């Protein structure tokens, strides 16, 4: 994707922080976000748009400290025209020189994959802390750092025992593209796209920049072409992507986490169901880590339920990981046999059911992006809690319940096919909900389908 999409708010934040750095004193900015979301591309673009002062780019690869310093020194000499003696072999020495230069001239330094310093020399974090404390108020450096391993970036900046805890001036979290931006991108590549094309792009990528870029640049603008690309072979980017990212995050414990996520992706949504299927007990700790430390899953409670409510379901938040566990991890034996046509057939057959879940997430995202609501959730009662008029156990569930800033209540039923929406049935569910919640309120009902995307 040659065109640069969205990110206006984050770009404005970076420009303001850079202005403060140059006019006042050094600012330390942490850029976070899931892998492939576009952190590096954002800063590249930012540096390109601000050519009045130099911008340095340091990439922390898995090399020796001396080799990294050599490449960083070359970048300094090229961009700043500053002489760096060959005797400078440690990052501490180089960073001190950077700050000395920043006393007399403003510039921006972007350090990518910052967490990798932990593998190079963990003492570098203490060096940065000590030197920043000493030089910050008398220098004009806009220091931006980012990293793709969330667990390590959280540890570096959020752990009270770490030297850089509390040292950053701002944290910018980069999110996947909004629904409007996804539509803009697909329109640029396929002006006559269909709702099915749009839903497929959302279902597979969840708005993650790199995944969209791969599909668009390879001409995959329809459901069948996207699925064919995902199943292009055992070395397909998408086949290996989930495992690579998550093993980096989870480390040696990835097996248990993979099992839990696999069950959630298949529809096992309560702790009891997951434990029963896996034959394991006391998985609450692992579920908590997946939710609070990694942000991969989230708890769902019926709207209006308290924090201590035991009516809890779990879902995978990230569309791509939901897709990856549903198909790639689950059918890994087919991939090992290089039977990609069989995998593609399974995915296409299951897609109408699976994409219905993604469609609901699409509309939730649109409601959130509208900034019209103070609460958005779902509502349900367990099968043992209610019976329908025919006397059969029937789980009462409403896809989306939203409360506007003015306190108005809106409920939405989401169906791929608009003909399957029945207002009478939704009204029955709303009447049942009002026995427990929003009593006496006038509630607006609406069906949402692919036509409304």
Protein backbone atom coordinates (compact mmCIF):
# COMPACT_ATOMS: atom_id res chain seq x y z
CA UNK A 1 0.00 0.00 0.00
CA UNK A 2 1.77 3.12 -1.25
CA UNK A 3 -0.86 5.48 0.07
CA UNK A 4 -0.57 6.23 3.79
CA UNK A 5 -3.87 5.61 5.54
CA UNK A 6 -5.38 7.05 8.70
CA UNK A 7 -3.18 7.71 11.79
CA UNK A 8 -3.95 11.44 11.80
CA UNK A 9 -4.45 11.52 15.57
CA UNK A 10 -1.24 9.63 16.34
CA UNK A 11 0.69 11.78 13.85
CA UNK A 12 -0.60 14.92 15.56
CA UNK A 13 0.49 13.56 18.96
CA UNK A 14 3.99 12.84 17.68
CA UNK A 15 4.27 16.30 16.13
CA UNK A 16 3.21 17.96 19.38
CA UNK A 17 5.67 15.89 21.43
CA UNK A 18 8.42 16.71 18.97
CA UNK A 19 7.55 20.42 19.22
CA UNK A 20 7.77 20.21 23.01
CA UNK A 21 11.10 18.40 22.78
CA UNK A 22 12.60 21.02 20.52
CA UNK A 23 11.24 24.11 22.27
CA UNK A 24 11.41 22.92 25.87
CA UNK A 25 13.42 19.81 26.70
CA UNK A 26 13.72 16.11 25.78
CA UNK A 27 10.58 13.98 25.58
CA UNK A 28 10.61 10.18 25.84
CA UNK A 29 7.77 8.57 23.86
CA UNK A 30 6.76 4.88 23.94
CA UNK A 31 4.86 3.58 20.92
CA UNK A 32 3.02 0.30 21.58
CA UNK A 33 0.61 -1.94 19.68
CA UNK A 34 0.34 -5.49 18.43
CA UNK A 35 2.84 -6.77 15.92
CA UNK A 36 2.20 -5.79 12.26
CA UNK A 37 -0.13 -2.94 13.23
CA UNK A 38 2.10 -0.33 11.56
CA UNK A 39 4.24 1.22 14.31
CA UNK A 40 7.42 1.42 12.24
CA UNK A 41 5.54 2.71 9.18
CA UNK A 42 3.96 5.45 11.28
CA UNK A 43 7.30 6.74 12.58
CA UNK A 44 8.90 6.44 9.13
CA UNK A 45 6.13 8.61 7.75
CA UNK A 46 6.47 11.02 10.65
CA UNK A 47 10.19 11.41 9.99
CA UNK A 48 9.56 11.89 6.25
CA UNK A 49 7.09 14.68 6.94
CA UNK A 50 9.46 16.49 9.31
CA UNK A 51 12.55 17.13 7.18
CA UNK A 52 13.50 20.42 8.81
CA UNK A 53 15.41 18.52 11.51
CA UNK A 54 17.22 15.18 11.27
CA UNK A 55 15.57 11.89 12.17
CA UNK A 56 17.69 8.88 13.18
CA UNK A 57 16.51 5.26 12.97
CA UNK A 58 18.11 2.60 15.17
CA UNK A 59 16.95 -1.01 14.75
CA UNK A 60 17.89 -3.27 17.65
CA UNK A 61 18.68 -6.62 16.03
CA UNK A 62 20.09 -9.66 17.76
CA UNK A 63 23.73 -8.71 17.34
CA UNK A 64 26.52 -8.00 19.75
CA UNK A 65 26.45 -4.61 21.42
CA UNK A 66 29.61 -3.54 19.59
CA UNK A 67 28.10 -4.41 16.19
CA UNK A 68 24.90 -2.52 16.98
CA UNK A 69 26.83 0.53 18.15
CA UNK A 70 28.86 0.45 14.94
CA UNK A 71 25.71 0.57 12.80
CA UNK A 72 24.11 3.23 15.04
CA UNK A 73 27.28 5.37 14.83
CA UNK A 74 27.15 5.16 11.04
CA UNK A 75 23.53 6.40 11.12
CA UNK A 76 24.59 9.32 13.33
CA UNK A 77 27.44 10.27 11.06
CA UNK A 78 25.20 10.08 7.96
CA UNK A 79 22.18 11.94 9.34
CA UNK A 80 23.84 14.35 11.78
CA UNK A 81 27.29 14.71 10.28
CA UNK A 82 28.75 14.07 13.74
CA UNK A 83 32.07 12.26 14.07
CA UNK A 84 31.93 9.15 16.26
CA UNK A 85 35.35 7.74 17.29
CA UNK A 86 35.96 4.06 16.60
CA UNK A 87 36.72 3.67 20.30
CA UNK A 88 33.01 4.05 21.09
CA UNK A 89 31.92 0.43 21.55
CA UNK A 90 29.12 0.54 24.13
CA UNK A 91 25.60 1.91 23.81
CA UNK A 92 26.13 3.89 27.02
CA UNK A 93 28.99 5.81 25.42
CA UNK A 94 27.04 6.38 22.22
CA UNK A 95 23.87 7.50 24.04
CA UNK A 96 25.91 9.99 26.06
CA UNK A 97 27.24 11.42 22.78
CA UNK A 98 23.68 11.59 21.39
CA UNK A 99 22.60 13.62 24.41
CA UNK A 100 25.64 15.90 24.15
CA UNK A 101 24.70 16.64 20.53
CA UNK A 102 21.10 17.25 21.62
CA UNK A 103 22.34 20.03 23.91
CA UNK A 104 23.19 22.17 20.91
CA UNK A 105 20.75 20.98 18.20
CA UNK A 106 17.30 19.37 18.17
CA UNK A 107 16.66 16.06 16.41
CA UNK A 108 14.54 12.90 16.66
CA UNK A 109 15.75 9.39 17.46
CA UNK A 110 13.56 6.36 16.82
CA UNK A 111 14.69 3.06 18.40
CA UNK A 112 12.78 0.12 16.90
CA UNK A 113 12.43 -3.28 18.65
CA UNK A 114 13.56 -1.58 21.83
CA UNK A 115 12.87 -4.65 23.98
CA UNK A 116 15.68 -6.52 22.19
CA UNK A 117 18.23 -4.59 24.28
CA UNK A 118 17.30 -7.16 26.94
CA UNK A 119 19.01 -9.84 24.83
CA UNK A 120 21.95 -7.61 23.86
CA UNK A 121 22.77 -6.16 27.27
CA UNK A 122 20.03 -5.71 29.93
CA UNK A 123 22.17 -3.04 31.59
CA UNK A 124 21.36 -0.68 28.69
CA UNK A 125 18.00 0.12 30.26
CA UNK A 126 19.73 1.37 33.41
CA UNK A 127 22.19 3.34 31.29
CA UNK A 128 19.35 5.08 29.45
CA UNK A 129 17.58 5.87 32.72
CA UNK A 130 20.70 7.30 34.35
CA UNK A 131 21.73 9.40 31.36
CA UNK A 132 18.22 10.68 30.68
CA UNK A 133 17.87 11.76 34.32
CA UNK A 134 21.15 13.63 34.05
CA UNK A 135 20.66 15.24 30.63
CA UNK A 136 16.93 15.53 30.04
CA UNK A 137 16.30 19.13 31.10
CA UNK A 138 19.21 20.54 29.08
CA UNK A 139 18.71 18.62 25.81
CA UNK A 140 16.29 18.78 22.86
CA UNK A 141 15.87 15.16 21.78
CA UNK A 142 12.57 13.62 20.70
CA UNK A 143 13.21 10.00 21.70
CA UNK A 144 10.66 7.50 20.36
CA UNK A 145 10.90 3.77 21.13
CA UNK A 146 8.69 0.90 20.03
CA UNK A 147 8.65 -2.86 20.34
CA UNK A 148 6.63 -5.76 18.99
CA UNK A 149 6.72 -8.09 22.01
CA UNK A 150 4.01 -6.70 24.26
CA UNK A 151 4.99 -8.73 27.32
CA UNK A 152 8.53 -7.33 27.35
CA UNK A 153 7.52 -3.74 26.59
CA UNK A 154 5.02 -3.88 29.46
CA UNK A 155 7.72 -5.20 31.78
CA UNK A 156 10.22 -2.50 30.78
CA UNK A 157 7.86 0.44 31.34
CA UNK A 158 5.15 -0.80 33.74
CA UNK A 159 7.11 -2.91 36.24
CA UNK A 160 8.02 -0.84 39.30
CA UNK A 161 11.25 -2.80 39.68
CA UNK A 162 12.56 -1.85 36.23
CA UNK A 163 14.83 1.19 35.72
CA UNK A 164 12.64 2.80 33.04
CA UNK A 165 9.43 2.55 35.06
CA UNK A 166 7.72 5.94 34.96
CA UNK A 167 10.42 7.52 32.79
CA UNK A 168 8.34 7.88 29.60
CA UNK A 169 6.54 11.17 28.98
CA UNK A 170 3.84 9.70 26.75
CA UNK A 171 2.61 6.32 25.59
CA UNK A 172 0.84 6.05 22.24
CA UNK A 173 -0.97 2.79 21.59
CA UNK A 174 -1.48 2.13 17.90
CA UNK A 175 -4.68 0.22 17.13
CA UNK A 176 -5.77 -1.63 13.98
CA UNK A 177 -7.45 0.44 11.28
CA UNK A 178 -11.00 1.71 11.84
CA UNK A 179 -13.91 0.32 9.84
CA UNK A 180 -14.02 3.48 7.70
CA UNK A 181 -10.33 3.15 6.85
CA UNK A 182 -10.74 -0.53 5.91
CA UNK A 183 -13.54 0.48 3.53
CA UNK A 184 -11.36 3.24 2.06
CA UNK A 185 -8.47 0.84 1.44
CA UNK A 186 -10.65 -1.82 -0.19
CA UNK A 187 -12.34 0.83 -2.36
CA UNK A 188 -8.94 2.05 -3.58
CA UNK A 189 -8.04 -1.46 -4.72
CA UNK A 190 -11.54 -2.55 -5.82
CA UNK A 191 -14.01 0.31 -6.29
CA UNK A 192 -16.90 -2.09 -6.96
CA UNK A 193 -16.26 -4.31 -3.92
CA UNK A 194 -19.13 -6.26 -2.39
CA UNK A 195 -20.20 -6.56 1.23
CA UNK A 196 -18.81 -10.11 1.19
CA UNK A 197 -15.40 -8.79 0.10
CA UNK A 198 -15.43 -6.26 2.93
CA UNK A 199 -16.52 -8.77 5.55
CA UNK A 200 -13.83 -11.23 4.42
CA UNK A 201 -11.11 -8.58 4.70
CA UNK A 202 -12.28 -7.72 8.22
CA UNK A 203 -12.73 -11.37 9.27
CA UNK A 204 -9.19 -12.35 8.28
CA UNK A 205 -7.22 -9.22 9.15
CA UNK A 206 -9.17 -7.38 11.83
CA UNK A 207 -7.80 -4.17 10.36
CA UNK A 208 -4.12 -5.00 10.98
CA UNK A 209 -2.10 -2.97 8.47
CA UNK A 210 0.44 -5.58 7.35
CA UNK A 211 -2.18 -8.26 6.73
CA UNK A 212 -4.31 -5.89 4.65
CA UNK A 213 -1.22 -4.77 2.73
CA UNK A 214 -0.31 -8.36 1.84
CA UNK A 215 -3.77 -9.19 0.57
CA UNK A 216 -4.23 -5.97 -1.40
CA UNK A 217 -0.77 -6.01 -2.97
CA UNK A 218 -1.38 -9.59 -4.14
CA UNK A 219 -4.71 -8.76 -5.75
CA UNK A 220 -6.74 -10.59 -3.11
CA UNK A 221 -9.85 -8.43 -3.02
CA UNK A 222 -12.52 -11.17 -2.86
CA UNK A 223 -13.33 -13.89 -0.35
CA UNK A 224 -12.11 -16.74 -2.55
CA UNK A 225 -8.87 -14.97 -3.48
CA UNK A 226 -8.16 -14.14 0.17
CA UNK A 227 -8.75 -17.73 1.26
CA UNK A 228 -6.62 -19.02 -1.63
CA UNK A 229 -3.77 -16.70 -0.58
CA UNK A 230 -3.99 -17.80 3.06
CA UNK A 231 -3.82 -21.43 1.87
CA UNK A 232 -1.09 -20.81 -0.71
CA UNK A 233 1.21 -23.38 0.90
CA UNK A 234 2.77 -24.58 4.13
CA UNK A 235 5.09 -21.57 3.99
CA UNK A 236 2.19 -19.13 3.66
CA UNK A 237 2.74 -15.98 5.68
CA UNK A 238 -0.59 -16.40 7.42
CA UNK A 239 0.03 -20.04 8.33
CA UNK A 240 3.17 -19.27 10.33
CA UNK A 241 2.21 -15.84 11.63
CA UNK A 242 0.09 -16.74 14.66
CA UNK A 243 2.57 -19.27 16.00
CA UNK A 244 5.52 -16.91 15.55
CA UNK A 245 3.88 -14.02 17.37
CA UNK A 246 2.42 -16.01 20.23
CA UNK A 247 5.43 -18.19 20.97
CA UNK A 248 7.47 -14.98 21.26
CA UNK A 249 4.90 -13.65 23.72
CA UNK A 250 4.21 -16.79 25.76
CA UNK A 251 7.65 -18.39 25.78
CA UNK A 252 7.85 -21.97 27.06
CA UNK A 253 4.29 -21.90 28.41
CA UNK A 254 2.74 -21.52 24.96
CA UNK A 255 1.28 -25.07 24.86
CA UNK A 256 -1.29 -24.48 27.60
CA UNK A 257 -2.20 -21.05 26.24
CA UNK A 258 -2.61 -22.43 22.72
CA UNK A 259 -4.97 -25.11 24.03
CA UNK A 260 -7.10 -22.56 25.86
CA UNK A 261 -7.27 -20.20 22.87
CA UNK A 262 -8.10 -23.09 20.57
CA UNK A 263 -11.11 -23.99 22.69
CA UNK A 264 -12.32 -20.40 22.86
CA UNK A 265 -12.03 -20.11 19.07
CA UNK A 266 -14.16 -23.27 18.70
CA UNK A 267 -16.91 -21.85 20.87
CA UNK A 268 -16.01 -23.10 24.36
CA UNK A 269 -16.71 -19.79 26.03
CA UNK A 270 -16.89 -20.37 29.80
CA UNK A 271 -14.11 -21.40 32.15
CA UNK A 272 -16.00 -24.57 33.09
CA UNK A 273 -16.45 -25.55 29.43
CA UNK A 274 -12.77 -24.95 28.64
CA UNK A 275 -11.58 -26.92 31.68
CA UNK A 276 -14.00 -29.75 30.93
CA UNK A 277 -12.96 -30.11 27.30
CA UNK A 278 -9.24 -29.93 28.06
CA UNK A 279 -9.51 -32.17 31.13
CA UNK A 280 -7.69 -29.54 33.19
CA UNK A 281 -8.62 -27.77 36.39
CA UNK A 282 -8.02 -24.29 37.78
CA UNK A 283 -7.31 -22.46 34.53
CA UNK A 284 -8.46 -19.15 36.04
CA UNK A 285 -4.86 -17.96 36.41
CA UNK A 286 -4.02 -18.61 32.77
CA UNK A 287 -7.25 -16.96 31.62
CA UNK A 288 -6.44 -13.92 33.73
CA UNK A 289 -2.94 -13.66 32.22
CA UNK A 290 -4.35 -13.97 28.67
CA UNK A 291 -6.77 -11.16 29.45
CA UNK A 292 -4.82 -8.75 31.63
CA UNK A 293 -1.20 -9.22 30.55
CA UNK A 294 -1.60 -10.00 26.86
CA UNK A 295 -5.03 -8.55 26.04
CA UNK A 296 -5.70 -11.45 23.65
CA UNK A 297 -9.00 -12.45 25.26
CA UNK A 298 -11.62 -10.49 27.10
CA UNK A 299 -14.38 -11.29 29.56
CA UNK A 300 -17.93 -10.78 28.38
CA UNK A 301 -20.71 -10.19 30.86
CA UNK A 302 -24.31 -9.30 30.05
CA UNK A 303 -24.71 -5.53 29.94
CA UNK A 304 -25.73 -4.30 33.36
CA UNK A 305 -24.06 -7.21 35.18
CA UNK A 306 -21.69 -6.28 37.99
CA UNK A 307 -17.96 -6.97 38.05
CA UNK A 308 -18.55 -9.87 40.46
CA UNK A 309 -21.18 -11.51 38.27
CA UNK A 310 -20.40 -15.16 37.56
CA UNK A 311 -22.15 -15.00 34.17
CA UNK A 312 -18.88 -14.74 32.27
CA UNK A 313 -17.90 -15.76 28.77
CA UNK A 314 -14.52 -15.41 27.10
CA UNK A 315 -13.78 -14.37 23.55
CA UNK A 316 -10.63 -13.77 21.52
CA UNK A 317 -10.46 -10.01 20.89
CA UNK A 318 -8.15 -10.05 17.89
CA UNK A 319 -9.87 -11.09 14.62
CA UNK A 320 -6.72 -12.56 13.15
CA UNK A 321 -5.97 -14.75 16.16
CA UNK A 322 -9.61 -15.89 16.22
CA UNK A 323 -9.25 -16.83 12.54
CA UNK A 324 -5.85 -18.45 13.06
CA UNK A 325 -6.95 -20.69 15.94
CA UNK A 326 -10.23 -21.57 14.24
CA UNK A 327 -8.53 -22.85 11.11
CA UNK A 328 -4.71 -22.87 11.03
CA UNK A 329 -3.97 -24.25 14.49
CA UNK A 330 -6.98 -26.56 14.50
CA UNK A 331 -6.12 -28.15 11.16
CA UNK A 332 -2.34 -28.12 11.50
CA UNK A 333 -2.21 -31.80 10.48
CA UNK A 334 -3.48 -30.86 7.01
CA UNK A 335 -0.79 -28.19 6.75
CA UNK A 336 1.91 -30.68 7.74
CA UNK A 337 0.70 -32.94 4.91
CA UNK A 338 0.67 -29.93 2.55
CA UNK A 339 -3.02 -30.61 1.94
CA UNK A 340 -3.86 -26.95 1.52
CA UNK A 341 -6.77 -27.57 -0.90
CA UNK A 342 -8.55 -29.51 1.86
CA UNK A 343 -7.94 -26.69 4.34
CA UNK A 344 -9.27 -24.13 1.87
CA UNK A 345 -12.40 -26.24 1.34
CA UNK A 346 -13.00 -26.48 5.11
CA UNK A 347 -12.51 -22.74 5.56
CA UNK A 348 -14.92 -21.82 2.75
CA UNK A 349 -17.57 -24.26 4.02
CA UNK A 350 -17.36 -22.94 7.60
CA UNK A 351 -16.95 -19.30 6.63
CA UNK A 352 -20.65 -18.28 6.60
CA UNK A 353 -20.98 -19.38 10.23
CA UNK A 354 -17.62 -17.99 11.38
CA UNK A 355 -18.00 -14.66 9.58
CA UNK A 356 -21.29 -14.08 11.37
CA UNK A 357 -19.30 -13.62 14.59
CA UNK A 358 -16.94 -11.22 12.80
CA UNK A 359 -19.92 -9.28 11.43
CA UNK A 360 -21.17 -8.68 14.97
CA UNK A 361 -17.71 -7.40 15.94
CA UNK A 362 -17.75 -5.10 12.89
CA UNK A 363 -20.95 -3.41 14.02
CA UNK A 364 -19.71 -3.13 17.61
CA UNK A 365 -16.58 -1.44 16.26
CA UNK A 366 -18.69 0.98 14.21
CA UNK A 367 -20.81 1.88 17.23
CA UNK A 368 -17.69 2.51 19.32
CA UNK A 369 -16.14 4.65 16.56
CA UNK A 370 -19.30 6.80 16.38
CA UNK A 371 -18.64 8.11 19.93
CA UNK A 372 -22.40 8.20 20.54
CA UNK A 373 -22.52 5.62 23.32
CA UNK A 374 -21.57 5.29 26.98
CA UNK A 375 -22.10 1.51 27.13
CA UNK A 376 -22.05 -1.21 24.48
CA UNK A 377 -22.42 -4.90 25.19
CA UNK A 378 -24.60 -7.94 24.74
CA UNK A 379 -27.29 -9.47 26.94
CA UNK A 380 -28.18 -13.06 27.65
CA UNK A 381 -29.60 -15.49 30.16
CA UNK A 382 -28.37 -19.03 30.56
CA UNK A 383 -30.44 -21.93 29.27
CA UNK A 384 -31.54 -22.82 32.77
CA UNK A 385 -32.73 -19.30 33.47
CA UNK A 386 -35.58 -19.01 31.00
CA UNK A 387 -37.92 -20.94 28.78
CA UNK A 388 -39.57 -19.83 25.59
CA UNK A 389 -43.27 -19.93 25.04
CA UNK A 390 -43.17 -23.50 23.74
CA UNK A 391 -41.62 -24.67 26.98
CA UNK A 392 -38.25 -25.62 25.52
CA UNK A 393 -35.00 -24.50 27.04
CA UNK A 394 -33.97 -21.57 24.88
CA UNK A 395 -31.11 -19.24 25.62
CA UNK A 396 -32.31 -15.67 25.51
CA UNK A 397 -29.60 -13.57 23.85
CA UNK A 398 -29.41 -10.13 22.25
CA UNK A 399 -26.37 -9.48 20.07
CA UNK A 400 -25.81 -5.80 20.87
CA UNK A 401 -27.31 -3.57 23.54
CA UNK A 402 -26.12 0.04 23.50
CA UNK A 403 -26.84 2.99 25.76
CA UNK A 404 -26.36 6.43 24.19
CA UNK A 405 -24.75 9.38 25.95
CA UNK A 406 -28.29 10.68 26.52
CA UNK A 407 -29.37 7.43 28.20
CA UNK A 408 -31.42 6.08 25.26
CA UNK A 409 -31.33 2.30 24.77
CA UNK A 410 -30.84 0.68 21.36
CA UNK A 411 -30.73 -3.05 20.65
CA UNK A 412 -29.46 -4.72 17.50
CA UNK A 413 -29.84 -8.20 16.06
CA UNK A 414 -27.02 -9.06 13.63
CA UNK A 415 -27.61 -11.44 10.71
CA UNK A 416 -25.57 -12.00 7.57
CA UNK A 417 -28.83 -12.31 5.65
CA UNK A 418 -31.33 -9.51 6.39
CA UNK A 419 -34.23 -11.87 5.63
CA UNK A 420 -33.37 -13.85 8.75
CA UNK A 421 -34.04 -10.89 11.02
CA UNK A 422 -37.38 -11.17 12.82
CA UNK A 423 -38.38 -8.10 14.81
CA UNK A 424 -41.10 -10.02 16.66
CA UNK A 425 -38.56 -12.46 18.10
CA UNK A 426 -36.19 -9.63 19.02
CA UNK A 427 -39.06 -7.82 20.76
CA UNK A 428 -39.76 -10.96 22.83
CA UNK A 429 -36.14 -11.01 23.96
CA UNK A 430 -36.24 -7.30 24.80
CA UNK A 431 -39.39 -7.78 26.88
CA UNK A 432 -37.64 -10.56 28.78
CA UNK A 433 -34.54 -8.37 29.28
CA UNK A 434 -36.71 -5.57 30.66
CA UNK A 435 -37.83 -7.82 33.49
CA UNK A 436 -34.23 -7.58 34.70
CA UNK A 437 -32.84 -4.38 33.14
CA UNK A 438 -33.96 -1.03 31.72
CA UNK A 439 -37.45 -1.37 33.23
CA UNK A 440 -39.89 1.20 31.88
CA UNK A 441 -37.46 2.42 29.21
CA UNK A 442 -38.46 2.83 25.58
CA UNK A 443 -36.06 0.69 23.57
CA UNK A 444 -35.31 1.10 19.85
CA UNK A 445 -34.97 -2.15 17.87
CA UNK A 446 -32.99 -2.65 14.67
CA UNK A 447 -31.73 -5.47 12.50
CA UNK A 448 -28.24 -5.19 11.05
CA UNK A 449 -26.93 -7.23 8.12
CA UNK A 450 -24.11 -7.15 5.59
CA UNK A 451 -26.10 -4.51 3.69
CA UNK A 452 -25.51 -2.10 6.60
CA UNK A 453 -21.71 -2.41 6.64
